[in-house]
Amino acid sequence: MSVLDDVKQVLHRVRVKLYPSNLPENEGKLIARTVNEKTLTYEEVCVAAKERGGYTGSLDNLKEDVAVFLRESAHQLCDGFAINFGGMFSISPNLGGLLENEHEPIDPEKHKITFHFKTLPPLNALSDRIEIISEGLADTNGYIMEITDVTTGQVNDVVTKGGIATITGDRLKVAGDPAKVGVFFYSLGSPNVSIKVAGNLAINDPKRIVFTVPELLAGKNFFVEVRTYYSGSEARPLKEMRTVRSKFMVKQA
């Protein structure tokens, strides 16, 4: 039985999630990225070869033999040889960096050895046998990395009433129904307190928002929240409003 026939019999579906593209030329389109499974160890592959792949020998012997083979392969690569692994892929050593002229000696800091991996036709042919399953849009939750109070220079600590503050993070752009979305300072308690930033945002970008700090209640600590329908793409807003809340709390300076 050929490798191609064997893989066809036990084909595992590859899952992908869709992400909005932020590149100007691809605005409004989606990028598909594979949802990778765990990385298998060579021992786990040996177990699979025994349980599924038809290997009839001793599992312990197989693991030991593969370990020896991998160690020897590494030795041969370091000796300058390229290795063809059963016609499926090859690995070869490669020297990087540039030399000024033919007399310049090789400098290990400037000219480092790396190893190049190249797939070969039999392995490439398997891609036609793979079934792709789309799991739809990926989780588009953003995050708030920090808030900087321009008046004091403090980060993730205090904010000055009437001063300028800058939030940085990802997928933070405020978009959607103005009555629902915006930048808020949120405090837990009885009752909870939610204070919205009034007026227009000086900068309203996915990674940066700049605004004027409202008056907060004295003696209370507040989370910073961005409430938005922004998904990462102007053309595809979220169906449900998303709230991005900081992991830290701030208070009025």
Protein backbone atom coordinates (compact mmCIF):
# COMPACT_ATOMS: atom_id res chain seq x y z
CA MET A 1 0.00 0.00 0.00
CA SER A 2 1.39 3.43 -0.95
CA VAL A 3 1.67 6.33 1.46
CA LEU A 4 -0.98 8.20 -0.49
CA ASP A 5 -3.47 5.33 -0.22
CA ASP A 6 -2.77 4.93 3.49
CA VAL A 7 -3.33 8.62 4.22
CA LYS A 8 -6.53 8.63 2.18
CA GLN A 9 -7.95 5.84 4.35
CA VAL A 10 -7.34 7.66 7.63
CA LEU A 11 -7.83 11.25 6.51
CA HIS A 12 -8.26 13.74 9.35
CA ARG A 13 -10.17 16.93 8.58
CA VAL A 14 -8.29 20.21 8.96
CA ARG A 15 -10.19 22.98 10.71
CA VAL A 16 -9.84 26.67 9.90
CA LYS A 17 -11.14 29.87 11.46
CA LEU A 18 -11.77 33.11 9.61
CA TYR A 19 -10.12 36.39 10.55
CA PRO A 20 -10.86 39.87 9.14
CA SER A 21 -8.06 41.20 6.96
CA ASN A 22 -6.74 44.61 8.02
CA LEU A 23 -4.64 45.11 4.89
CA PRO A 24 -5.85 48.14 2.87
CA GLU A 25 -6.02 46.18 -0.39
CA ASN A 26 -8.07 43.41 1.28
CA GLU A 27 -10.41 45.50 3.42
CA GLY A 28 -13.66 43.65 4.05
CA LYS A 29 -12.23 40.23 3.16
CA LEU A 30 -11.42 37.31 5.43
CA ILE A 31 -8.24 35.31 5.99
CA ALA A 32 -8.50 31.57 6.75
CA ARG A 33 -6.02 30.20 9.29
CA THR A 34 -5.68 26.58 10.31
CA VAL A 35 -6.62 25.52 13.81
CA ASN A 36 -3.58 23.43 14.61
CA GLU A 37 -3.85 20.37 16.76
CA LYS A 38 -1.29 19.61 19.46
CA THR A 39 2.29 18.99 18.41
CA LEU A 40 2.96 15.27 18.51
CA THR A 41 6.18 13.88 19.93
CA TYR A 42 8.01 11.20 17.99
CA GLU A 43 6.97 8.74 20.73
CA GLU A 44 3.31 9.56 20.10
CA VAL A 45 3.80 9.00 16.37
CA CYS A 46 5.33 5.62 17.19
CA VAL A 47 2.26 4.74 19.26
CA ALA A 48 0.02 5.76 16.35
CA ALA A 49 2.10 3.64 13.96
CA LYS A 50 1.56 0.68 16.27
CA GLU A 51 -2.14 1.24 16.95
CA ARG A 52 -3.25 2.53 13.55
CA GLY A 53 -0.46 2.34 11.02
CA GLY A 54 0.04 -1.40 10.92
CA TYR A 55 3.43 -1.64 12.62
CA THR A 56 3.74 -5.17 14.03
CA GLY A 57 7.03 -4.98 15.92
CA SER A 58 7.78 -4.00 19.49
CA LEU A 59 6.67 -0.46 20.38
CA ASP A 60 9.64 -0.01 22.69
CA ASN A 61 12.02 -1.10 19.93
CA LEU A 62 10.34 1.29 17.49
CA LYS A 63 10.74 4.24 19.85
CA GLU A 64 14.38 3.36 20.46
CA ASP A 65 15.09 2.92 16.75
CA VAL A 66 13.45 6.23 15.84
CA ALA A 67 15.38 8.03 18.59
CA VAL A 68 18.65 6.63 17.23
CA PHE A 69 17.67 7.61 13.70
CA LEU A 70 16.85 11.19 14.74
CA ARG A 71 20.12 11.58 16.63
CA GLU A 72 22.11 10.25 13.68
CA SER A 73 20.18 12.51 11.28
CA ALA A 74 21.13 15.53 13.40
CA HIS A 75 24.78 14.40 13.36
CA GLN A 76 24.82 14.02 9.57
CA LEU A 77 23.19 17.43 9.09
CA CYS A 78 25.88 19.00 11.26
CA ASP A 79 28.46 17.22 9.12
CA GLY A 80 27.14 19.18 6.14
CA PHE A 81 24.91 16.54 4.52
CA ALA A 82 21.38 17.17 3.30
CA ILE A 83 18.94 14.37 4.12
CA ASN A 84 16.01 13.11 2.06
CA PHE A 85 13.45 11.61 4.42
CA GLY A 86 11.84 8.87 2.37
CA GLY A 87 11.00 11.16 -0.54
CA MET A 88 8.52 13.10 1.63
CA PHE A 89 10.69 16.03 2.67
CA SER A 90 14.32 17.04 2.96
CA ILE A 91 16.41 19.05 5.42
CA SER A 92 19.68 20.77 4.56
CA PRO A 93 22.13 23.05 6.39
CA ASN A 94 22.42 26.61 5.12
CA LEU A 95 24.87 29.41 5.92
CA GLY A 96 23.33 32.87 6.25
CA GLY A 97 24.73 36.38 6.21
CA LEU A 98 26.75 38.38 3.68
CA LEU A 99 30.51 38.67 3.20
CA GLU A 100 32.24 41.87 2.08
CA ASN A 101 34.71 40.00 -0.13
CA GLU A 102 36.34 36.61 -0.71
CA HIS A 103 38.98 37.28 1.95
CA GLU A 104 36.57 37.94 4.81
CA PRO A 105 36.62 35.07 7.31
CA ILE A 106 33.41 33.36 8.38
CA ASP A 107 32.13 35.00 11.56
CA PRO A 108 29.85 32.71 13.62
CA GLU A 109 27.97 35.78 14.89
CA LYS A 110 27.29 37.20 11.42
CA HIS A 111 27.12 33.98 9.40
CA LYS A 112 24.90 31.56 11.25
CA ILE A 113 23.98 28.06 10.17
CA THR A 114 20.27 27.36 9.85
CA PHE A 115 18.42 24.30 8.59
CA HIS A 116 16.07 24.51 5.63
CA PHE A 117 13.03 22.25 5.39
CA LYS A 118 11.65 21.46 1.94
CA THR A 119 8.59 19.41 1.12
CA LEU A 120 8.90 17.00 -1.81
CA PRO A 121 6.27 15.99 -4.42
CA PRO A 122 4.80 12.95 -2.58
CA LEU A 123 4.06 15.04 0.51
CA ASN A 124 2.80 17.98 -1.55
CA ALA A 125 0.42 15.63 -3.36
CA LEU A 126 -1.27 14.82 -0.08
CA SER A 127 -2.62 18.38 0.21
CA ASP A 128 -5.18 17.54 -2.49
CA ARG A 129 -6.58 14.84 -0.20
CA ILE A 130 -7.16 17.13 2.79
CA GLU A 131 -10.72 18.20 3.57
CA ILE A 132 -11.05 21.71 5.00
CA ILE A 133 -13.79 22.49 7.52
CA SER A 134 -14.51 26.18 8.18
CA GLU A 135 -15.54 26.95 11.75
CA GLY A 136 -16.60 30.49 10.88
CA LEU A 137 -15.32 33.73 12.31
CA ALA A 138 -12.70 33.41 15.01
CA ASP A 139 -13.08 34.97 18.41
CA THR A 140 -12.69 38.68 17.72
CA ASN A 141 -12.28 39.79 21.32
CA GLY A 142 -9.75 42.55 21.68
CA TYR A 143 -7.75 43.63 24.71
CA ILE A 144 -6.68 46.77 26.55
CA MET A 145 -2.94 46.73 27.18
CA GLU A 146 -2.60 50.04 29.04
CA ILE A 147 -4.01 53.49 29.67
CA THR A 148 -1.64 56.46 29.92
CA ASP A 149 -2.61 59.66 31.73
CA VAL A 150 -0.89 62.40 29.71
CA THR A 151 -1.06 64.97 32.54
CA THR A 152 0.84 62.86 35.08
CA GLY A 153 2.54 60.37 32.78
CA GLN A 154 1.18 57.56 34.94
CA VAL A 155 0.33 54.22 33.28
CA ASN A 156 -2.51 51.95 34.51
CA ASP A 157 -2.76 53.95 37.73
CA VAL A 158 -4.50 57.34 37.75
CA VAL A 159 -6.37 59.56 35.29
CA THR A 160 -6.78 63.33 35.54
CA LYS A 161 -10.23 64.93 35.23
CA GLY A 162 -10.36 67.02 32.04
CA GLY A 163 -6.96 65.73 30.94
CA ILE A 164 -6.02 63.57 27.99
CA ALA A 165 -5.74 59.78 28.26
CA THR A 166 -4.56 57.23 25.71
CA ILE A 167 -5.68 53.60 25.58
CA THR A 168 -3.60 51.10 23.60
CA GLY A 169 -4.37 47.47 22.74
CA ASP A 170 -6.06 45.68 19.87
CA ARG A 171 -9.52 45.70 18.22
CA LEU A 172 -10.49 48.72 20.30
CA LYS A 173 -12.09 50.96 17.69
CA VAL A 174 -15.45 52.27 18.85
CA ALA A 175 -18.09 51.58 16.19
CA GLY A 176 -21.84 51.10 16.15
CA ASP A 177 -24.87 52.69 17.80
CA PRO A 178 -23.60 55.83 19.61
CA ALA A 179 -26.19 55.29 22.33
CA LYS A 180 -24.61 51.93 23.23
CA VAL A 181 -20.93 52.08 22.33
CA GLY A 182 -18.05 54.16 23.65
CA VAL A 183 -15.28 54.29 26.24
CA PHE A 184 -16.44 53.78 29.82
CA PHE A 185 -15.05 53.72 33.34
CA TYR A 186 -16.73 50.86 35.19
CA SER A 187 -16.71 50.22 38.94
CA LEU A 188 -18.15 47.20 40.72
CA GLY A 189 -20.24 47.84 43.79
CA SER A 190 -23.74 48.28 45.11
CA PRO A 191 -24.74 49.54 42.66
CA ASN A 192 -22.21 49.23 39.85
CA VAL A 193 -21.09 52.55 38.38
CA SER A 194 -20.58 53.15 34.66
CA ILE A 195 -19.30 56.55 33.48
CA LYS A 196 -19.10 57.20 29.75
CA VAL A 197 -16.48 59.39 28.09
CA ALA A 198 -18.39 62.36 26.66
CA GLY A 199 -17.79 64.07 23.34
CA ASN A 200 -15.83 62.92 20.34
CA LEU A 201 -12.77 60.69 20.63
CA ALA A 202 -9.63 62.53 19.49
CA ILE A 203 -8.28 59.30 18.01
CA ASN A 204 -10.39 56.21 17.46
CA ASP A 205 -8.25 53.46 15.94
CA PRO A 206 -8.19 49.68 16.46
CA LYS A 207 -4.95 49.90 18.46
CA ARG A 208 -5.23 53.36 20.01
CA ILE A 209 -7.97 55.58 21.44
CA VAL A 210 -7.37 59.11 22.76
CA PHE A 211 -10.01 61.01 24.75
CA THR A 212 -10.72 63.55 27.48
CA VAL A 213 -11.07 62.04 30.94
CA PRO A 214 -14.50 62.53 32.60
CA GLU A 215 -15.04 63.16 36.30
CA LEU A 216 -14.96 59.91 38.28
CA LEU A 217 -16.28 59.23 41.76
CA ALA A 218 -13.70 59.90 44.45
CA GLY A 219 -12.39 56.91 46.37
CA LYS A 220 -13.48 54.38 43.75
CA ASN A 221 -11.38 52.21 41.45
CA PHE A 222 -12.53 51.78 37.86
CA PHE A 223 -11.96 49.29 35.08
CA VAL A 224 -11.58 50.79 31.60
CA GLU A 225 -14.07 49.45 29.07
CA VAL A 226 -14.48 49.79 25.32
CA ARG A 227 -17.92 48.83 24.08
CA THR A 228 -18.10 48.38 20.33
CA TYR A 229 -19.43 46.45 17.35
CA TYR A 230 -16.05 46.59 15.63
CA SER A 231 -14.92 43.11 14.49
CA GLY A 232 -11.63 44.05 12.86
CA SER A 233 -13.32 44.91 9.58
CA GLU A 234 -15.47 47.97 8.82
CA ALA A 235 -17.45 45.91 6.32
CA ARG A 236 -18.42 43.17 8.80
CA PRO A 237 -19.55 44.60 12.16
CA LEU A 238 -20.30 42.23 15.00
CA LYS A 239 -23.91 41.11 15.46
CA GLU A 240 -23.61 41.49 19.22
CA MET A 241 -21.87 44.34 21.00
CA ARG A 242 -18.47 43.39 22.43
CA THR A 243 -17.14 44.74 25.70
CA VAL A 244 -13.35 44.86 26.11
CA ARG A 245 -12.45 45.39 29.78
CA SER A 246 -9.01 46.11 31.19
CA LYS A 247 -7.44 43.68 33.66
CA PHE A 248 -6.26 46.62 35.75
CA MET A 249 -8.12 49.41 37.59
CA VAL A 250 -7.51 53.16 37.77
CA LYS A 251 -8.70 56.02 39.98
CA GLN A 252 -9.10 59.78 39.65
CA ALA A 253 -5.82 61.67 40.19
